[in-house]
Amino acid sequence: CGFEPMAEAVSLLMDEGVAMARKSGVISFSDQVWLPSYLKLQPPTYSLVCVDEAQDLSAAQMALVKGAANGTGKVIAVGDPRQAIYGFAGA
């Protein structure tokens, strides 16, 4: 009773969601965050990436920020842990 059947079902659902987004041309904000990772897309790169409210970034959003700096750019992140409101969402 491993996790393989569940992982396979999730993968099929993800693929179907991508196909629906491509067909309709409509994606949500959440899609904009996870699709680059799921599709292994490289975001445009910049020498300087500035992030405000960094305390509320999820792991997926942080991956986009890091990808935009592409290992050679600088990231300036400003945040206040006393204002963090998205901890429930993985920030």
Protein backbone atom coordinates (compact mmCIF):
# COMPACT_ATOMS: atom_id res chain seq x y z
CA CYS A 1 0.00 0.00 0.00
CA GLY A 2 2.68 2.55 -0.95
CA PHE A 3 2.33 6.10 -2.12
CA GLU A 4 2.87 5.21 -5.79
CA PRO A 5 -0.84 5.16 -6.77
CA MET A 6 -1.39 8.54 -5.09
CA ALA A 7 1.72 10.04 -6.68
CA GLU A 8 0.60 8.76 -10.07
CA ALA A 9 -2.87 10.26 -9.61
CA VAL A 10 -1.42 13.63 -8.56
CA SER A 11 0.89 13.63 -11.58
CA LEU A 12 -2.04 12.92 -13.91
CA LEU A 13 -4.07 15.73 -12.31
CA MET A 14 -1.18 18.16 -12.66
CA ASP A 15 -0.71 17.25 -16.32
CA GLU A 16 -4.44 17.67 -16.93
CA GLY A 17 -4.40 21.08 -15.25
CA VAL A 18 -1.51 22.20 -17.47
CA ALA A 19 -3.34 20.95 -20.56
CA MET A 20 -6.49 22.85 -19.53
CA ALA A 21 -4.51 26.04 -18.93
CA ARG A 22 -2.83 25.75 -22.33
CA LYS A 23 -6.16 25.10 -24.06
CA SER A 24 -8.03 27.94 -22.35
CA GLY A 25 -5.14 30.39 -22.19
CA VAL A 26 -6.26 31.25 -18.66
CA ILE A 27 -4.10 30.72 -15.59
CA SER A 28 -4.51 31.85 -12.01
CA PHE A 29 -2.00 33.62 -9.79
CA SER A 30 -1.22 30.28 -8.15
CA ASP A 31 -0.60 28.78 -11.59
CA GLN A 32 1.86 31.58 -12.32
CA VAL A 33 3.81 30.58 -9.21
CA TRP A 34 3.99 26.80 -9.62
CA LEU A 35 3.91 26.34 -13.41
CA PRO A 36 7.49 27.61 -13.99
CA SER A 37 8.80 24.99 -11.58
CA TYR A 38 6.52 22.22 -12.82
CA LEU A 39 7.39 22.94 -16.46
CA LYS A 40 11.08 23.56 -15.62
CA LEU A 41 10.97 27.07 -17.09
CA GLN A 42 13.74 29.57 -16.40
CA PRO A 43 12.38 33.01 -15.51
CA PRO A 44 13.98 36.08 -17.09
CA THR A 45 17.20 36.88 -15.24
CA TYR A 46 18.28 40.19 -13.75
CA SER A 47 21.41 41.53 -12.12
CA LEU A 48 19.28 42.92 -9.26
CA VAL A 49 16.03 41.49 -7.92
CA CYS A 50 14.17 43.46 -5.23
CA VAL A 51 11.51 41.82 -3.06
CA ASP A 52 9.21 43.62 -0.66
CA GLU A 53 7.24 41.75 2.02
CA ALA A 54 9.77 38.92 1.75
CA GLN A 55 8.47 37.39 4.98
CA ASP A 56 5.38 36.26 3.06
CA LEU A 57 7.16 34.42 0.23
CA SER A 58 6.34 30.74 -0.15
CA ALA A 59 9.01 28.23 -1.14
CA ALA A 60 7.74 28.34 -4.75
CA GLN A 61 7.89 32.14 -4.82
CA MET A 62 11.39 32.10 -3.33
CA ALA A 63 12.47 29.67 -6.06
CA LEU A 64 11.25 32.19 -8.66
CA VAL A 65 13.21 34.97 -6.97
CA LYS A 66 16.36 32.85 -6.88
CA GLY A 67 15.85 31.81 -10.50
CA ALA A 68 15.48 35.45 -11.56
CA ALA A 69 18.85 36.21 -9.94
CA ASN A 70 20.25 33.06 -11.63
CA GLY A 71 23.17 32.63 -9.25
CA THR A 72 24.99 35.74 -10.44
CA GLY A 73 22.50 38.50 -9.63
CA LYS A 74 21.92 40.12 -6.27
CA VAL A 75 18.68 39.83 -4.30
CA ILE A 76 17.57 42.60 -1.96
CA ALA A 77 14.75 41.36 0.23
CA VAL A 78 12.88 43.50 2.73
CA GLY A 79 10.55 41.98 5.28
CA ASP A 80 9.30 42.14 8.82
CA PRO A 81 8.69 38.87 10.67
CA ARG A 82 6.23 40.67 12.96
CA GLN A 83 4.02 41.27 9.92
CA ALA A 84 4.16 37.74 8.52
CA ILE A 85 0.59 36.71 7.74
CA TYR A 86 1.09 33.81 5.33
CA GLY A 87 2.74 31.27 7.63
CA PHE A 88 -0.26 28.98 7.09
CA ALA A 89 0.56 29.00 3.34
CA GLY A 90 4.18 27.97 3.80
CA ALA A 91 5.82 31.40 3.94
